Amino acid sequence: MNQEFIAVIPPAAVREPRGAEVAAQLAAGLQRVAQRLAAAGRGVWRALEDEGRRRAMQQLKSRGLSLPAFEAAQVRKLADQHERTDPRFAAELRAAATRHETMHGIS
């Protein structure tokens, strides 16, 4: 009669798979790069907005208008569009335009 012996050898403890550490470092690096790119993008966006605002102000001044007067005129234009469908809303828009002008000392 033959007897067989089976030896069970538990595997050695492994700290972590080798690629996991590299992947974690790569992910952290990519996250830092993404954050820096986002910050740079926000800076560029702010600069473009500031330049656009500066150019708009120059054009308004060349026409003899101020920004608050232009904004009030735009709100009144919107009120005209809503006059037939919602006269109450149109009246509120006109009142808001007048308050805006009063707040900025235009009228």
C-alpha atoms as a PDB file:
ATOM      1  CA  MET A   1       0.000   0.000   0.000  1.00  0.00           C
ATOM      2  CA  ASN A   2       1.364   3.406  -1.009  1.00  0.00           C
ATOM      3  CA  GLN A   3       0.829   6.442   1.097  1.00  0.00           C
ATOM      4  CA  GLU A   4       1.018   9.927  -0.310  1.00  0.00           C
ATOM      5  CA  PHE A   5       1.830  12.954   1.735  1.00  0.00           C
ATOM      6  CA  ILE A   6       0.634  16.357   0.708  1.00  0.00           C
ATOM      7  CA  ALA A   7       2.569  19.239   2.141  1.00  0.00           C
ATOM      8  CA  VAL A   8       0.716  22.531   2.413  1.00  0.00           C
ATOM      9  CA  ILE A   9       3.088  25.469   2.332  1.00  0.00           C
ATOM     10  CA  PRO A  10       1.417  28.808   2.981  1.00  0.00           C
ATOM     11  CA  PRO A  11       2.511  31.571   0.628  1.00  0.00           C
ATOM     12  CA  ALA A  12       4.910  34.190   1.884  1.00  0.00           C
ATOM     13  CA  ALA A  13       3.340  37.493   2.903  1.00  0.00           C
ATOM     14  CA  VAL A  14       3.484  40.094   0.151  1.00  0.00           C
ATOM     15  CA  ARG A  15       3.445  43.764   1.072  1.00  0.00           C
ATOM     16  CA  GLU A  16       1.451  44.735  -2.015  1.00  0.00           C
ATOM     17  CA  PRO A  17       1.583  44.051  -5.696  1.00  0.00           C
ATOM     18  CA  ARG A  18       4.600  45.759  -7.240  1.00  0.00           C
ATOM     19  CA  GLY A  19       2.632  47.756  -9.784  1.00  0.00           C
ATOM     20  CA  ALA A  20       0.223  49.211  -7.217  1.00  0.00           C
ATOM     21  CA  GLU A  21       2.798  51.569  -5.729  1.00  0.00           C
ATOM     22  CA  VAL A  22       3.850  52.828  -9.149  1.00  0.00           C
ATOM     23  CA  ALA A  23       0.218  53.282 -10.178  1.00  0.00           C
ATOM     24  CA  ALA A  24      -0.548  55.219  -6.973  1.00  0.00           C
ATOM     25  CA  GLN A  25       2.433  57.524  -7.530  1.00  0.00           C
ATOM     26  CA  LEU A  26       1.446  58.055 -11.140  1.00  0.00           C
ATOM     27  CA  ALA A  27      -2.163  58.835 -10.184  1.00  0.00           C
ATOM     28  CA  ALA A  28      -1.014  61.329  -7.538  1.00  0.00           C
ATOM     29  CA  GLY A  29       1.312  62.989 -10.041  1.00  0.00           C
ATOM     30  CA  LEU A  30      -1.422  63.223 -12.635  1.00  0.00           C
ATOM     31  CA  GLN A  31      -3.767  64.736 -10.077  1.00  0.00           C
ATOM     32  CA  ARG A  32      -1.195  67.433  -9.230  1.00  0.00           C
ATOM     33  CA  VAL A  33      -0.719  68.191 -12.929  1.00  0.00           C
ATOM     34  CA  ALA A  34      -4.488  68.401 -13.435  1.00  0.00           C
ATOM     35  CA  GLN A  35      -4.819  70.798 -10.492  1.00  0.00           C
ATOM     36  CA  ARG A  36      -2.063  73.021 -11.871  1.00  0.00           C
ATOM     37  CA  LEU A  37      -3.617  73.011 -15.328  1.00  0.00           C
ATOM     38  CA  ALA A  38      -7.010  73.890 -13.864  1.00  0.00           C
ATOM     39  CA  ALA A  39      -5.478  76.783 -11.898  1.00  0.00           C
ATOM     40  CA  ALA A  40      -3.695  78.025 -15.012  1.00  0.00           C
ATOM     41  CA  GLY A  41      -6.911  77.732 -17.010  1.00  0.00           C
ATOM     42  CA  ARG A  42      -8.802  79.758 -14.411  1.00  0.00           C
ATOM     43  CA  GLY A  43      -6.098  82.420 -14.557  1.00  0.00           C
ATOM     44  CA  VAL A  44      -6.286  82.616 -18.346  1.00  0.00           C
ATOM     45  CA  TRP A  45     -10.092  82.759 -18.195  1.00  0.00           C
ATOM     46  CA  ARG A  46      -9.983  85.629 -15.672  1.00  0.00           C
ATOM     47  CA  ALA A  47      -7.486  87.499 -17.831  1.00  0.00           C
ATOM     48  CA  LEU A  48      -9.700  87.081 -20.900  1.00  0.00           C
ATOM     49  CA  GLU A  49     -12.758  88.250 -18.978  1.00  0.00           C
ATOM     50  CA  ASP A  50     -10.865  91.293 -17.683  1.00  0.00           C
ATOM     51  CA  GLU A  51      -9.661  92.154 -21.188  1.00  0.00           C
ATOM     52  CA  GLY A  52     -13.159  91.744 -22.609  1.00  0.00           C
ATOM     53  CA  ARG A  53     -14.608  93.904 -19.856  1.00  0.00           C
ATOM     54  CA  ARG A  54     -11.940  96.572 -20.471  1.00  0.00           C
ATOM     55  CA  ARG A  55     -12.666  96.623 -24.213  1.00  0.00           C
ATOM     56  CA  ALA A  56     -16.424  96.777 -23.613  1.00  0.00           C
ATOM     57  CA  MET A  57     -15.966  99.725 -21.269  1.00  0.00           C
ATOM     58  CA  GLN A  58     -13.854 101.523 -23.886  1.00  0.00           C
ATOM     59  CA  GLN A  59     -16.537 101.026 -26.529  1.00  0.00           C
ATOM     60  CA  LEU A  60     -19.274 102.195 -24.184  1.00  0.00           C
ATOM     61  CA  LYS A  61     -17.286 105.301 -23.260  1.00  0.00           C
ATOM     62  CA  SER A  62     -16.660 106.058 -26.935  1.00  0.00           C
ATOM     63  CA  ARG A  63     -20.454 105.968 -27.454  1.00  0.00           C
ATOM     64  CA  GLY A  64     -21.075 108.151 -24.424  1.00  0.00           C
ATOM     65  CA  LEU A  65     -22.608 105.363 -22.330  1.00  0.00           C
ATOM     66  CA  SER A  66     -21.764 103.870 -18.971  1.00  0.00           C
ATOM     67  CA  LEU A  67     -21.920 100.182 -18.160  1.00  0.00           C
ATOM     68  CA  PRO A  68     -24.901 100.551 -15.760  1.00  0.00           C
ATOM     69  CA  ALA A  69     -26.827 102.534 -18.406  1.00  0.00           C
ATOM     70  CA  PHE A  70     -26.069  99.870 -21.008  1.00  0.00           C
ATOM     71  CA  GLU A  71     -27.163  97.099 -18.632  1.00  0.00           C
ATOM     72  CA  ALA A  72     -30.409  98.915 -17.850  1.00  0.00           C
ATOM     73  CA  ALA A  73     -31.063  99.341 -21.563  1.00  0.00           C
ATOM     74  CA  GLN A  74     -30.521  95.611 -22.112  1.00  0.00           C
ATOM     75  CA  VAL A  75     -32.984  94.773 -19.310  1.00  0.00           C
ATOM     76  CA  ARG A  76     -35.566  97.127 -20.840  1.00  0.00           C
ATOM     77  CA  LYS A  77     -35.033  95.437 -24.206  1.00  0.00           C
ATOM     78  CA  LEU A  78     -35.741  92.093 -22.520  1.00  0.00           C
ATOM     79  CA  ALA A  79     -38.867  93.608 -20.940  1.00  0.00           C
ATOM     80  CA  ASP A  80     -40.086  94.631 -24.408  1.00  0.00           C
ATOM     81  CA  GLN A  81     -39.742  91.025 -25.558  1.00  0.00           C
ATOM     82  CA  HIS A  82     -41.937  89.788 -22.693  1.00  0.00           C
ATOM     83  CA  GLU A  83     -44.538  92.561 -22.826  1.00  0.00           C
ATOM     84  CA  ARG A  84     -47.177  90.575 -24.729  1.00  0.00           C
ATOM     85  CA  THR A  85     -46.685  87.190 -23.066  1.00  0.00           C
ATOM     86  CA  ASP A  86     -46.099  88.279 -19.453  1.00  0.00           C
ATOM     87  CA  PRO A  87     -46.799  91.981 -18.810  1.00  0.00           C
ATOM     88  CA  ARG A  88     -46.281  91.653 -15.042  1.00  0.00           C
ATOM     89  CA  PHE A  89     -42.782  90.233 -15.553  1.00  0.00           C
ATOM     90  CA  ALA A  90     -42.040  92.975 -18.099  1.00  0.00           C
ATOM     91  CA  ALA A  91     -43.088  95.612 -15.558  1.00  0.00           C
ATOM     92  CA  GLU A  92     -40.820  94.054 -12.930  1.00  0.00           C
ATOM     93  CA  LEU A  93     -37.912  94.078 -15.381  1.00  0.00           C
ATOM     94  CA  ARG A  94     -38.470  97.759 -16.108  1.00  0.00           C
ATOM     95  CA  ALA A  95     -38.609  98.523 -12.387  1.00  0.00           C
ATOM     96  CA  ALA A  96     -35.369  96.606 -11.873  1.00  0.00           C
ATOM     97  CA  ALA A  97     -33.713  98.612 -14.658  1.00  0.00           C
ATOM     98  CA  THR A  98     -34.809 101.859 -13.019  1.00  0.00           C
ATOM     99  CA  ARG A  99     -33.506 100.699  -9.608  1.00  0.00           C
ATOM    100  CA  HIS A 100     -30.214  99.744 -11.237  1.00  0.00           C
ATOM    101  CA  GLU A 101     -29.858 103.202 -12.766  1.00  0.00           C
ATOM    102  CA  THR A 102     -30.809 104.890  -9.490  1.00  0.00           C
ATOM    103  CA  MET A 103     -28.339 102.760  -7.554  1.00  0.00           C
ATOM    104  CA  HIS A 104     -25.541 103.861  -9.929  1.00  0.00           C
ATOM    105  CA  GLY A 105     -26.628 107.514  -9.968  1.00  0.00           C
ATOM    106  CA  ILE A 106     -27.678 107.611 -13.606  1.00  0.00           C
ATOM    107  CA  SER A 107     -31.240 108.887 -13.290  1.00  0.00           C
END
